[in-house]
Amino acid sequence: MSDNISLPIKSGSLSTLGKIPWTLVIILYMVIVHFTGLNMAGIAGFIFLGLCMAVLFIEFFKSGNINAAGFLLDLSSAVLSLIIATVLMCYLYLTDQPNPTFFHWFGCLVILGDAILSPFNSFRTALRNFGLGVST
């Protein structure tokens, strides 16, 4: 039974995907768009929405890996991303720059969703692997 407790990703490219805090990529995109002055209402916004959906999928998939180091890294990166996103939104809202757009709020919603859903998915996967009968 103890052989089935952790589900490490063995493949090279997938293990690299699991170690990257992908929510920081969303924040980096928002910062680059802000400093370059791109309009998010065009192609840049559609790319951002696709990036958000891809990041949410990757983060949810990688939260199924329940070893302790991966869980702590995932949880700490989610909290760090939440803090940075809050600071960015406060900066955008309180400065004389244009107010945050739908795309900024959507990106923050994805980051918040990751911070809530990833630990829940890890916990659910751990319960299932321990055989404790989770009903979700």
C-alpha atoms as a PDB file:
ATOM      1  CA  MET A   1       0.000   0.000   0.000  1.00  0.00           C
ATOM      2  CA  SER A   2       2.833   2.424   0.700  1.00  0.00           C
ATOM      3  CA  ASP A   3       4.015   2.107  -2.909  1.00  0.00           C
ATOM      4  CA  ASN A   4       0.962   4.044  -4.115  1.00  0.00           C
ATOM      5  CA  ILE A   5       1.208   7.033  -1.785  1.00  0.00           C
ATOM      6  CA  SER A   6       3.087   9.468  -4.015  1.00  0.00           C
ATOM      7  CA  LEU A   7       2.599  10.046  -7.706  1.00  0.00           C
ATOM      8  CA  PRO A   8       5.860  11.600  -8.902  1.00  0.00           C
ATOM      9  CA  ILE A   9       6.038  12.626 -12.534  1.00  0.00           C
ATOM     10  CA  LYS A  10       8.934  10.699 -14.060  1.00  0.00           C
ATOM     11  CA  SER A  11       9.203  12.150 -17.545  1.00  0.00           C
ATOM     12  CA  GLY A  12      11.736  14.950 -18.078  1.00  0.00           C
ATOM     13  CA  SER A  13       9.516  17.565 -19.684  1.00  0.00           C
ATOM     14  CA  LEU A  14       6.550  16.923 -17.382  1.00  0.00           C
ATOM     15  CA  SER A  15       8.674  17.128 -14.246  1.00  0.00           C
ATOM     16  CA  THR A  16      10.016  20.481 -15.466  1.00  0.00           C
ATOM     17  CA  LEU A  17       6.445  21.691 -16.018  1.00  0.00           C
ATOM     18  CA  GLY A  18       5.620  20.667 -12.457  1.00  0.00           C
ATOM     19  CA  LYS A  19       8.401  22.744 -10.916  1.00  0.00           C
ATOM     20  CA  ILE A  20       7.575  26.066 -12.589  1.00  0.00           C
ATOM     21  CA  PRO A  21       5.211  28.386 -10.685  1.00  0.00           C
ATOM     22  CA  TRP A  22       2.954  29.102 -13.667  1.00  0.00           C
ATOM     23  CA  THR A  23       0.830  31.726 -11.950  1.00  0.00           C
ATOM     24  CA  LEU A  24       3.857  34.007 -11.934  1.00  0.00           C
ATOM     25  CA  VAL A  25       3.783  33.839 -15.749  1.00  0.00           C
ATOM     26  CA  ILE A  26       0.339  35.463 -15.678  1.00  0.00           C
ATOM     27  CA  ILE A  27       1.665  38.259 -13.471  1.00  0.00           C
ATOM     28  CA  LEU A  28       4.723  38.706 -15.667  1.00  0.00           C
ATOM     29  CA  TYR A  29       2.478  39.019 -18.740  1.00  0.00           C
ATOM     30  CA  MET A  30       0.345  41.672 -17.010  1.00  0.00           C
ATOM     31  CA  VAL A  31       3.443  43.636 -15.996  1.00  0.00           C
ATOM     32  CA  ILE A  32       4.944  43.477 -19.504  1.00  0.00           C
ATOM     33  CA  VAL A  33       1.666  44.594 -21.073  1.00  0.00           C
ATOM     34  CA  HIS A  34       1.422  47.462 -18.592  1.00  0.00           C
ATOM     35  CA  PHE A  35       4.944  48.762 -19.157  1.00  0.00           C
ATOM     36  CA  THR A  36       4.847  48.393 -22.946  1.00  0.00           C
ATOM     37  CA  GLY A  37       1.478  50.124 -23.133  1.00  0.00           C
ATOM     38  CA  LEU A  38      -0.231  47.400 -25.169  1.00  0.00           C
ATOM     39  CA  ASN A  39      -4.001  47.475 -25.382  1.00  0.00           C
ATOM     40  CA  MET A  40      -5.437  44.296 -23.888  1.00  0.00           C
ATOM     41  CA  ALA A  41      -8.652  44.729 -25.892  1.00  0.00           C
ATOM     42  CA  GLY A  42      -7.048  43.217 -28.988  1.00  0.00           C
ATOM     43  CA  ILE A  43      -4.914  40.199 -29.735  1.00  0.00           C
ATOM     44  CA  ALA A  44      -2.898  40.645 -26.528  1.00  0.00           C
ATOM     45  CA  GLY A  45      -6.068  40.111 -24.495  1.00  0.00           C
ATOM     46  CA  PHE A  46      -7.014  36.929 -26.333  1.00  0.00           C
ATOM     47  CA  ILE A  47      -3.494  35.580 -25.865  1.00  0.00           C
ATOM     48  CA  PHE A  48      -3.780  36.451 -22.172  1.00  0.00           C
ATOM     49  CA  LEU A  49      -7.099  34.600 -21.818  1.00  0.00           C
ATOM     50  CA  GLY A  50      -5.603  31.523 -23.480  1.00  0.00           C
ATOM     51  CA  LEU A  51      -2.554  31.762 -21.239  1.00  0.00           C
ATOM     52  CA  CYS A  52      -4.795  31.974 -18.163  1.00  0.00           C
ATOM     53  CA  MET A  53      -6.739  28.867 -19.166  1.00  0.00           C
ATOM     54  CA  ALA A  54      -3.523  26.960 -19.912  1.00  0.00           C
ATOM     55  CA  VAL A  55      -2.006  27.991 -16.566  1.00  0.00           C
ATOM     56  CA  LEU A  56      -5.135  26.975 -14.674  1.00  0.00           C
ATOM     57  CA  PHE A  57      -5.112  23.560 -16.385  1.00  0.00           C
ATOM     58  CA  ILE A  58      -1.387  23.000 -15.768  1.00  0.00           C
ATOM     59  CA  GLU A  59      -1.618  24.079 -12.124  1.00  0.00           C
ATOM     60  CA  PHE A  60      -4.594  21.806 -11.486  1.00  0.00           C
ATOM     61  CA  PHE A  61      -2.826  18.903 -13.205  1.00  0.00           C
ATOM     62  CA  LYS A  62       0.400  19.394 -11.267  1.00  0.00           C
ATOM     63  CA  SER A  63      -1.455  19.590  -7.939  1.00  0.00           C
ATOM     64  CA  GLY A  64      -2.190  15.878  -8.318  1.00  0.00           C
ATOM     65  CA  ASN A  65       1.442  15.192  -7.403  1.00  0.00           C
ATOM     66  CA  ILE A  66       1.214  14.795  -3.654  1.00  0.00           C
ATOM     67  CA  ASN A  67       4.777  14.415  -2.442  1.00  0.00           C
ATOM     68  CA  ALA A  68       5.601  16.780   0.408  1.00  0.00           C
ATOM     69  CA  ALA A  69       8.208  18.900  -1.393  1.00  0.00           C
ATOM     70  CA  GLY A  70       6.009  19.447  -4.440  1.00  0.00           C
ATOM     71  CA  PHE A  71       3.013  20.321  -2.298  1.00  0.00           C
ATOM     72  CA  LEU A  72       4.961  22.874  -0.248  1.00  0.00           C
ATOM     73  CA  LEU A  73       6.457  24.411  -3.383  1.00  0.00           C
ATOM     74  CA  ASP A  74       3.026  24.601  -5.018  1.00  0.00           C
ATOM     75  CA  LEU A  75       1.387  26.075  -1.935  1.00  0.00           C
ATOM     76  CA  SER A  76       4.118  28.650  -1.316  1.00  0.00           C
ATOM     77  CA  SER A  77       4.157  29.720  -4.976  1.00  0.00           C
ATOM     78  CA  ALA A  78       0.346  30.099  -4.897  1.00  0.00           C
ATOM     79  CA  VAL A  79       0.546  32.319  -1.811  1.00  0.00           C
ATOM     80  CA  LEU A  80       3.426  34.334  -3.300  1.00  0.00           C
ATOM     81  CA  SER A  81       1.489  34.800  -6.548  1.00  0.00           C
ATOM     82  CA  LEU A  82      -1.560  35.919  -4.603  1.00  0.00           C
ATOM     83  CA  ILE A  83       0.499  38.525  -2.743  1.00  0.00           C
ATOM     84  CA  ILE A  84       2.184  39.817  -5.905  1.00  0.00           C
ATOM     85  CA  ALA A  85      -1.132  39.961  -7.789  1.00  0.00           C
ATOM     86  CA  THR A  86      -2.690  41.939  -4.940  1.00  0.00           C
ATOM     87  CA  VAL A  87       0.198  44.408  -4.979  1.00  0.00           C
ATOM     88  CA  LEU A  88      -0.051  44.740  -8.770  1.00  0.00           C
ATOM     89  CA  MET A  89      -3.792  45.366  -8.689  1.00  0.00           C
ATOM     90  CA  CYS A  90      -3.399  47.929  -5.898  1.00  0.00           C
ATOM     91  CA  TYR A  91      -0.707  49.667  -7.952  1.00  0.00           C
ATOM     92  CA  LEU A  92      -2.892  49.699 -11.064  1.00  0.00           C
ATOM     93  CA  TYR A  93      -5.939  50.886  -9.146  1.00  0.00           C
ATOM     94  CA  LEU A  94      -4.285  53.605  -7.058  1.00  0.00           C
ATOM     95  CA  THR A  95      -2.004  55.218  -9.652  1.00  0.00           C
ATOM     96  CA  ASP A  96      -2.991  57.737 -12.303  1.00  0.00           C
ATOM     97  CA  GLN A  97      -2.704  55.049 -14.971  1.00  0.00           C
ATOM     98  CA  PRO A  98      -5.886  53.671 -16.526  1.00  0.00           C
ATOM     99  CA  ASN A  99      -7.838  51.470 -14.135  1.00  0.00           C
ATOM    100  CA  PRO A 100      -7.473  47.687 -14.319  1.00  0.00           C
ATOM    101  CA  THR A 101      -9.426  46.127 -17.157  1.00  0.00           C
ATOM    102  CA  PHE A 102     -11.461  42.943 -17.373  1.00  0.00           C
ATOM    103  CA  PHE A 103      -8.281  41.068 -18.313  1.00  0.00           C
ATOM    104  CA  HIS A 104      -6.467  42.157 -15.156  1.00  0.00           C
ATOM    105  CA  TRP A 105      -9.381  41.080 -12.983  1.00  0.00           C
ATOM    106  CA  PHE A 106      -9.668  37.785 -14.871  1.00  0.00           C
ATOM    107  CA  GLY A 107      -5.965  37.074 -14.325  1.00  0.00           C
ATOM    108  CA  CYS A 108      -6.338  37.739 -10.605  1.00  0.00           C
ATOM    109  CA  LEU A 109      -9.387  35.480 -10.508  1.00  0.00           C
ATOM    110  CA  VAL A 110      -7.350  32.670 -12.080  1.00  0.00           C
ATOM    111  CA  ILE A 111      -4.582  33.204  -9.514  1.00  0.00           C
ATOM    112  CA  LEU A 112      -7.121  33.156  -6.675  1.00  0.00           C
ATOM    113  CA  GLY A 113      -8.756  30.052  -8.127  1.00  0.00           C
ATOM    114  CA  ASP A 114      -5.395  28.315  -8.278  1.00  0.00           C
ATOM    115  CA  ALA A 115      -4.640  29.225  -4.665  1.00  0.00           C
ATOM    116  CA  ILE A 116      -7.963  27.668  -3.599  1.00  0.00           C
ATOM    117  CA  LEU A 117      -8.276  24.676  -5.944  1.00  0.00           C
ATOM    118  CA  SER A 118      -4.713  23.326  -5.998  1.00  0.00           C
ATOM    119  CA  PRO A 119      -4.476  22.516  -2.261  1.00  0.00           C
ATOM    120  CA  PHE A 120      -7.992  21.068  -2.396  1.00  0.00           C
ATOM    121  CA  ASN A 121      -7.032  18.831  -5.325  1.00  0.00           C
ATOM    122  CA  SER A 122      -3.832  17.730  -3.560  1.00  0.00           C
ATOM    123  CA  PHE A 123      -5.759  16.889  -0.403  1.00  0.00           C
ATOM    124  CA  ARG A 124      -8.415  14.992  -2.353  1.00  0.00           C
ATOM    125  CA  THR A 125      -5.755  13.028  -4.228  1.00  0.00           C
ATOM    126  CA  ALA A 126      -3.959  12.194  -0.975  1.00  0.00           C
ATOM    127  CA  LEU A 127      -7.167  10.911   0.606  1.00  0.00           C
ATOM    128  CA  ARG A 128      -7.904   8.780  -2.427  1.00  0.00           C
ATOM    129  CA  ASN A 129      -4.388   7.333  -2.463  1.00  0.00           C
ATOM    130  CA  PHE A 130      -4.520   6.552   1.243  1.00  0.00           C
ATOM    131  CA  GLY A 131      -7.847   4.795   0.652  1.00  0.00           C
ATOM    132  CA  LEU A 132      -9.741   6.898   3.158  1.00  0.00           C
ATOM    133  CA  GLY A 133     -12.874   7.043   1.064  1.00  0.00           C
ATOM    134  CA  VAL A 134     -13.368  10.544  -0.210  1.00  0.00           C
ATOM    135  CA  SER A 135     -16.706  11.046  -1.936  1.00  0.00           C
ATOM    136  CA  THR A 136     -15.867  13.992  -4.198  1.00  0.00           C
END
